[in-house]
PDB file of N, CA and C in Angstrom:
ATOM      1  N   UNK A   1     228.741  -0.330 222.983  1.00  0.00           N
ATOM      2  CA  UNK A   1     229.240  -0.241 221.616  1.00  0.00           C
ATOM      3  C   UNK A   1     230.490   0.632 221.612  1.00  0.00           C
ATOM      4  N   UNK A   2     231.568   0.114 221.094  1.00  0.00           N
ATOM      5  CA  UNK A   2     232.844   0.834 221.039  1.00  0.00           C
ATOM      6  C   UNK A   2     233.009   1.497 219.672  1.00  0.00           C
ATOM      7  N   UNK A   3     234.065   2.271 219.566  1.00  0.00           N
ATOM      8  CA  UNK A   3     234.374   2.940 218.303  1.00  0.00           C
ATOM      9  C   UNK A   3     234.617   1.893 217.218  1.00  0.00           C
ATOM     10  N   UNK A   4     234.014   2.086 216.064  1.00  0.00           N
ATOM     11  CA  UNK A   4     234.148   1.142 214.951  1.00  0.00           C
ATOM     12  C   UNK A   4     235.483   1.366 214.254  1.00  0.00           C
ATOM     13  N   UNK A   5     236.390   0.421 214.390  1.00  0.00           N
ATOM     14  CA  UNK A   5     237.737   0.548 213.830  1.00  0.00           C
ATOM     15  C   UNK A   5     237.744   0.578 212.304  1.00  0.00           C
ATOM     16  N   UNK A   6     236.664   0.134 211.669  1.00  0.00           N
ATOM     17  CA  UNK A   6     236.583   0.189 210.206  1.00  0.00           C
ATOM     18  C   UNK A   6     236.555   1.635 209.712  1.00  0.00           C
ATOM     19  N   UNK A   7     236.121   2.551 210.572  1.00  0.00           N
ATOM     20  CA  UNK A   7     236.099   3.964 210.199  1.00  0.00           C
ATOM     21  C   UNK A   7     237.501   4.506 209.932  1.00  0.00           C
ATOM     22  N   UNK A   8     238.505   3.907 210.558  1.00  0.00           N
ATOM     23  CA  UNK A   8     239.881   4.369 210.358  1.00  0.00           C
ATOM     24  C   UNK A   8     240.327   4.250 208.904  1.00  0.00           C
ATOM     25  N   UNK A   9     239.680   3.377 208.158  1.00  0.00           N
ATOM     26  CA  UNK A   9     240.026   3.197 206.751  1.00  0.00           C
ATOM     27  C   UNK A   9     239.515   4.348 205.879  1.00  0.00           C
ATOM     28  N   UNK A  10     238.499   5.079 206.354  1.00  0.00           N
ATOM     29  CA  UNK A  10     237.900   6.105 205.495  1.00  0.00           C
ATOM     30  C   UNK A  10     238.018   7.529 206.034  1.00  0.00           C
ATOM     31  N   UNK A  11     238.336   7.682 207.319  1.00  0.00           N
ATOM     32  CA  UNK A  11     238.479   9.042 207.832  1.00  0.00           C
ATOM     33  C   UNK A  11     239.950   9.444 207.853  1.00  0.00           C
ATOM     34  N   UNK A  12     240.193  10.750 207.866  1.00  0.00           N
ATOM     35  CA  UNK A  12     241.559  11.266 207.861  1.00  0.00           C
ATOM     36  C   UNK A  12     241.643  12.491 208.758  1.00  0.00           C
ATOM     37  N   UNK A  13     242.852  12.874 209.052  1.00  0.00           N
ATOM     38  CA  UNK A  13     243.080  14.076 209.849  1.00  0.00           C
ATOM     39  C   UNK A  13     242.526  15.275 209.078  1.00  0.00           C
ATOM     40  N   UNK A  14     241.716  16.107 209.708  1.00  0.00           N
ATOM     41  CA  UNK A  14     241.152  17.254 209.004  1.00  0.00           C
ATOM     42  C   UNK A  14     242.187  18.339 208.680  1.00  0.00           C
ATOM     43  N   UNK A  15     243.338  18.304 209.327  1.00  0.00           N
ATOM     44  CA  UNK A  15     244.371  19.315 209.094  1.00  0.00           C
ATOM     45  C   UNK A  15     245.262  18.938 207.913  1.00  0.00           C
ATOM     46  N   UNK A  16     245.860  17.731 207.973  1.00  0.00           N
ATOM     47  CA  UNK A  16     246.822  17.338 206.932  1.00  0.00           C
ATOM     48  C   UNK A  16     246.303  16.245 205.997  1.00  0.00           C
ATOM     49  N   UNK A  17     245.119  15.719 206.283  1.00  0.00           N
ATOM     50  CA  UNK A  17     244.499  14.632 205.501  1.00  0.00           C
ATOM     51  C   UNK A  17     245.265  13.319 205.627  1.00  0.00           C
ATOM     52  N   UNK A  18     246.068  13.201 206.686  1.00  0.00           N
ATOM     53  CA  UNK A  18     246.861  11.995 206.921  1.00  0.00           C
ATOM     54  C   UNK A  18     246.098  10.938 207.699  1.00  0.00           C
ATOM     55  N   UNK A  19     246.785   9.855 207.957  1.00  0.00           N
ATOM     56  CA  UNK A  19     246.234   8.705 208.660  1.00  0.00           C
ATOM     57  C   UNK A  19     246.054   9.003 210.148  1.00  0.00           C
ATOM     58  N   UNK A  20     244.973   8.495 210.702  1.00  0.00           N
ATOM     59  CA  UNK A  20     244.710   8.612 212.136  1.00  0.00           C
ATOM     60  C   UNK A  20     244.904   7.251 212.796  1.00  0.00           C
ATOM     61  N   UNK A  21     245.378   7.278 214.030  1.00  0.00           N
ATOM     62  CA  UNK A  21     245.624   6.063 214.803  1.00  0.00           C
ATOM     63  C   UNK A  21     244.696   6.072 216.012  1.00  0.00           C
ATOM     64  N   UNK A  22     244.074   4.937 216.294  1.00  0.00           N
ATOM     65  CA  UNK A  22     243.230   4.813 217.481  1.00  0.00           C
ATOM     66  C   UNK A  22     244.111   4.608 218.698  1.00  0.00           C
ATOM     67  N   UNK A  23     243.954   5.457 219.697  1.00  0.00           N
ATOM     68  CA  UNK A  23     244.739   5.383 220.919  1.00  0.00           C
ATOM     69  C   UNK A  23     243.796   5.215 222.095  1.00  0.00           C
ATOM     70  N   UNK A  24     244.177   4.328 223.020  1.00  0.00           N
ATOM     71  CA  UNK A  24     243.380   4.090 224.217  1.00  0.00           C
ATOM     72  C   UNK A  24     244.255   4.317 225.445  1.00  0.00           C
ATOM     73  N   UNK A  25     244.449   5.576 225.833  1.00  0.00           N
ATOM     74  CA  UNK A  25     245.243   5.812 227.043  1.00  0.00           C
ATOM     75  C   UNK A  25     244.533   5.234 228.262  1.00  0.00           C
ATOM     76  N   UNK A  26     245.298   4.809 229.230  1.00  0.00           N
ATOM     77  CA  UNK A  26     244.713   4.133 230.391  1.00  0.00           C
ATOM     78  C   UNK A  26     243.910   5.071 231.275  1.00  0.00           C
ATOM     79  N   UNK A  27     244.240   6.359 231.272  1.00  0.00           N
ATOM     80  CA  UNK A  27     243.563   7.286 232.166  1.00  0.00           C
ATOM     81  C   UNK A  27     242.510   8.156 231.478  1.00  0.00           C
ATOM     82  N   UNK A  28     242.221   7.895 230.219  1.00  0.00           N
ATOM     83  CA  UNK A  28     241.265   8.736 229.494  1.00  0.00           C
ATOM     84  C   UNK A  28     240.476   7.890 228.506  1.00  0.00           C
ATOM     85  N   UNK A  29     239.547   8.532 227.818  1.00  0.00           N
ATOM     86  CA  UNK A  29     238.753   7.853 226.797  1.00  0.00           C
ATOM     87  C   UNK A  29     239.567   7.648 225.529  1.00  0.00           C
ATOM     88  N   UNK A  30     239.002   6.879 224.614  1.00  0.00           N
ATOM     89  CA  UNK A  30     239.662   6.662 223.330  1.00  0.00           C
ATOM     90  C   UNK A  30     239.809   7.990 222.592  1.00  0.00           C
ATOM     91  N   UNK A  31     240.799   8.033 221.720  1.00  0.00           N
ATOM     92  CA  UNK A  31     241.011   9.223 220.902  1.00  0.00           C
ATOM     93  C   UNK A  31     241.698   8.819 219.612  1.00  0.00           C
ATOM     94  N   UNK A  32     241.592   9.684 218.614  1.00  0.00           N
ATOM     95  CA  UNK A  32     242.262   9.462 217.339  1.00  0.00           C
ATOM     96  C   UNK A  32     243.451  10.402 217.268  1.00  0.00           C
ATOM     97  N   UNK A  33     244.593   9.856 216.873  1.00  0.00           N
ATOM     98  CA  UNK A  33     245.831  10.633 216.889  1.00  0.00           C
ATOM     99  C   UNK A  33     246.405  10.757 215.486  1.00  0.00           C
ATOM    100  N   UNK A  34     246.809  11.983 215.162  1.00  0.00           N
ATOM    101  CA  UNK A  34     247.570  12.240 213.940  1.00  0.00           C
ATOM    102  C   UNK A  34     249.019  12.441 214.357  1.00  0.00           C
ATOM    103  N   UNK A  35     249.883  11.526 213.983  1.00  0.00           N
ATOM    104  CA  UNK A  35     251.283  11.605 214.368  1.00  0.00           C
ATOM    105  C   UNK A  35     251.973  12.806 213.714  1.00  0.00           C
ATOM    106  N   UNK A  36     251.632  13.116 212.479  1.00  0.00           N
ATOM    107  CA  UNK A  36     252.288  14.194 211.750  1.00  0.00           C
ATOM    108  C   UNK A  36     252.034  15.552 212.411  1.00  0.00           C
ATOM    109  N   UNK A  37     250.786  15.823 212.738  1.00  0.00           N
ATOM    110  CA  UNK A  37     250.421  17.115 213.343  1.00  0.00           C
ATOM    111  C   UNK A  37     250.520  17.107 214.870  1.00  0.00           C
ATOM    112  N   UNK A  38     250.748  15.910 215.459  1.00  0.00           N
ATOM    113  CA  UNK A  38     250.803  15.744 216.922  1.00  0.00           C
ATOM    114  C   UNK A  38     249.515  16.209 217.579  1.00  0.00           C
ATOM    115  N   UNK A  39     248.384  15.802 216.980  1.00  0.00           N
ATOM    116  CA  UNK A  39     247.070  16.171 217.507  1.00  0.00           C
ATOM    117  C   UNK A  39     246.292  14.922 217.915  1.00  0.00           C
ATOM    118  N   UNK A  40     245.556  15.037 219.007  1.00  0.00           N
ATOM    119  CA  UNK A  40     244.689  13.951 219.466  1.00  0.00           C
ATOM    120  C   UNK A  40     243.250  14.448 219.449  1.00  0.00           C
ATOM    121  N   UNK A  41     242.422  13.787 218.671  1.00  0.00           N
ATOM    122  CA  UNK A  41     241.013  14.152 218.552  1.00  0.00           C
ATOM    123  C   UNK A  41     240.187  13.268 219.476  1.00  0.00           C
ATOM    124  N   UNK A  42     239.328  13.860 220.300  1.00  0.00           N
ATOM    125  CA  UNK A  42     238.530  13.052 221.234  1.00  0.00           C
ATOM    126  C   UNK A  42     237.448  12.246 220.521  1.00  0.00           C
ATOM    127  N   UNK A  43     237.041  11.173 221.173  1.00  0.00           N
ATOM    128  CA  UNK A  43     235.896  10.369 220.729  1.00  0.00           C
ATOM    129  C   UNK A  43     234.863  10.476 221.833  1.00  0.00           C
ATOM    130  N   UNK A  44     233.736  11.097 221.516  1.00  0.00           N
ATOM    131  CA  UNK A  44     232.688  11.305 222.513  1.00  0.00           C
ATOM    132  C   UNK A  44     231.447  10.515 222.118  1.00  0.00           C
ATOM    133  N   UNK A  45     231.003   9.671 223.012  1.00  0.00           N
ATOM    134  CA  UNK A  45     229.850   8.801 222.777  1.00  0.00           C
ATOM    135  C   UNK A  45     230.003   8.017 221.475  1.00  0.00           C
ATOM    136  N   UNK A  46     231.193   7.489 221.265  1.00  0.00           N
ATOM    137  CA  UNK A  46     231.540   6.644 220.117  1.00  0.00           C
ATOM    138  C   UNK A  46     231.614   7.410 218.797  1.00  0.00           C
ATOM    139  N   UNK A  47     231.641   8.741 218.858  1.00  0.00           N
ATOM    140  CA  UNK A  47     231.707   9.567 217.649  1.00  0.00           C
ATOM    141  C   UNK A  47     232.969  10.416 217.706  1.00  0.00           C
ATOM    142  N   UNK A  48     233.837  10.310 216.690  1.00  0.00           N
ATOM    143  CA  UNK A  48     235.054  11.133 216.693  1.00  0.00           C
ATOM    144  C   UNK A  48     234.723  12.606 216.455  1.00  0.00           C
ATOM    145  N   UNK A  49     235.351  13.466 217.247  1.00  0.00           N
ATOM    146  CA  UNK A  49     235.175  14.907 217.100  1.00  0.00           C
ATOM    147  C   UNK A  49     236.393  15.417 216.318  1.00  0.00           C
ATOM    148  N   UNK A  50     236.249  15.504 215.009  1.00  0.00           N
ATOM    149  CA  UNK A  50     237.371  15.855 214.146  1.00  0.00           C
ATOM    150  C   UNK A  50     237.404  17.356 213.857  1.00  0.00           C
ATOM    151  N   UNK A  51     237.493  18.126 214.923  1.00  0.00           N
ATOM    152  CA  UNK A  51     237.602  19.572 214.821  1.00  0.00           C
ATOM    153  C   UNK A  51     238.953  19.979 215.383  1.00  0.00           C
ATOM    154  N   UNK A  52     239.695  20.769 214.615  1.00  0.00           N
ATOM    155  CA  UNK A  52     241.019  21.184 215.068  1.00  0.00           C
ATOM    156  C   UNK A  52     240.940  21.942 216.392  1.00  0.00           C
ATOM    157  N   UNK A  53     239.876  22.692 216.586  1.00  0.00           N
ATOM    158  CA  UNK A  53     239.721  23.465 217.817  1.00  0.00           C
ATOM    159  C   UNK A  53     239.480  22.586 219.047  1.00  0.00           C
ATOM    160  N   UNK A  54     239.031  21.348 218.847  1.00  0.00           N
ATOM    161  CA  UNK A  54     238.774  20.419 219.942  1.00  0.00           C
ATOM    162  C   UNK A  54     239.947  19.473 220.186  1.00  0.00           C
ATOM    163  N   UNK A  55     240.939  19.490 219.305  1.00  0.00           N
ATOM    164  CA  UNK A  55     242.067  18.565 219.399  1.00  0.00           C
ATOM    165  C   UNK A  55     243.046  18.993 220.489  1.00  0.00           C
ATOM    166  N   UNK A  56     243.693  18.007 221.066  1.00  0.00           N
ATOM    167  CA  UNK A  56     244.709  18.227 222.079  1.00  0.00           C
ATOM    168  C   UNK A  56     246.076  18.106 221.413  1.00  0.00           C
ATOM    169  N   UNK A  57     246.942  19.082 221.639  1.00  0.00           N
ATOM    170  CA  UNK A  57     248.299  19.029 221.087  1.00  0.00           C
ATOM    171  C   UNK A  57     249.124  18.112 221.981  1.00  0.00           C
ATOM    172  N   UNK A  58     249.791  17.136 221.362  1.00  0.00           N
ATOM    173  CA  UNK A  58     250.574  16.157 222.108  1.00  0.00           C
ATOM    174  C   UNK A  58     252.046  16.562 222.165  1.00  0.00           C
ATOM    175  N   UNK A  59     252.676  16.278 223.284  1.00  0.00           N
ATOM    176  CA  UNK A  59     254.118  16.503 223.405  1.00  0.00           C
ATOM    177  C   UNK A  59     254.846  15.352 222.718  1.00  0.00           C
ATOM    178  N   UNK A  60     256.133  15.519 222.516  1.00  0.00           N
ATOM    179  CA  UNK A  60     256.939  14.459 221.905  1.00  0.00           C
ATOM    180  C   UNK A  60     256.916  13.196 222.755  1.00  0.00           C
ATOM    181  N   UNK A  61     256.933  13.361 224.070  1.00  0.00           N
ATOM    182  CA  UNK A  61     256.919  12.208 224.973  1.00  0.00           C
ATOM    183  C   UNK A  61     255.598  11.448 224.869  1.00  0.00           C
ATOM    184  N   UNK A  62     254.493  12.186 224.806  1.00  0.00           N
ATOM    185  CA  UNK A  62     253.189  11.542 224.673  1.00  0.00           C
ATOM    186  C   UNK A  62     253.082  10.801 223.342  1.00  0.00           C
ATOM    187  N   UNK A  63     253.606  11.404 222.300  1.00  0.00           N
ATOM    188  CA  UNK A  63     253.535  10.807 220.971  1.00  0.00           C
ATOM    189  C   UNK A  63     254.332   9.512 220.894  1.00  0.00           C
ATOM    190  N   UNK A  64     255.465   9.456 221.583  1.00  0.00           N
ATOM    191  CA  UNK A  64     256.295   8.242 221.593  1.00  0.00           C
ATOM    192  C   UNK A  64     255.590   7.073 222.261  1.00  0.00           C
ATOM    193  N   UNK A  65     254.700   7.345 223.202  1.00  0.00           N
ATOM    194  CA  UNK A  65     253.990   6.296 223.942  1.00  0.00           C
ATOM    195  C   UNK A  65     252.903   5.634 223.109  1.00  0.00           C
ATOM    196  N   UNK A  66     252.489   6.271 222.045  1.00  0.00           N
ATOM    197  CA  UNK A  66     251.398   5.750 221.215  1.00  0.00           C
ATOM    198  C   UNK A  66     251.958   4.713 220.244  1.00  0.00           C
ATOM    199  N   UNK A  67     251.367   3.536 220.269  1.00  0.00           N
ATOM    200  CA  UNK A  67     251.811   2.468 219.378  1.00  0.00           C
ATOM    201  C   UNK A  67     251.186   2.638 218.013  1.00  0.00           C
ATOM    202  N   UNK A  68     251.869   2.150 217.023  1.00  0.00           N
ATOM    203  CA  UNK A  68     251.362   2.234 215.654  1.00  0.00           C
ATOM    204  C   UNK A  68     250.296   1.207 215.403  1.00  0.00           C
TER     205      UNK A  68
END
């Protein structure tokens, strides 16, 4: 069972309340990305971990690689 993409319609970034994008990097697990805050939230066992303390700060280069 994969992450349910319908959740993207109802969840938001806990920091800015903005839109999250589902990202599937080739070398890691799925994650939810907030482009505005440049944060990537992990998805563990199909459950998004929407805690700012658990988020990874993305560089500008990493952010450019993420498709909309």
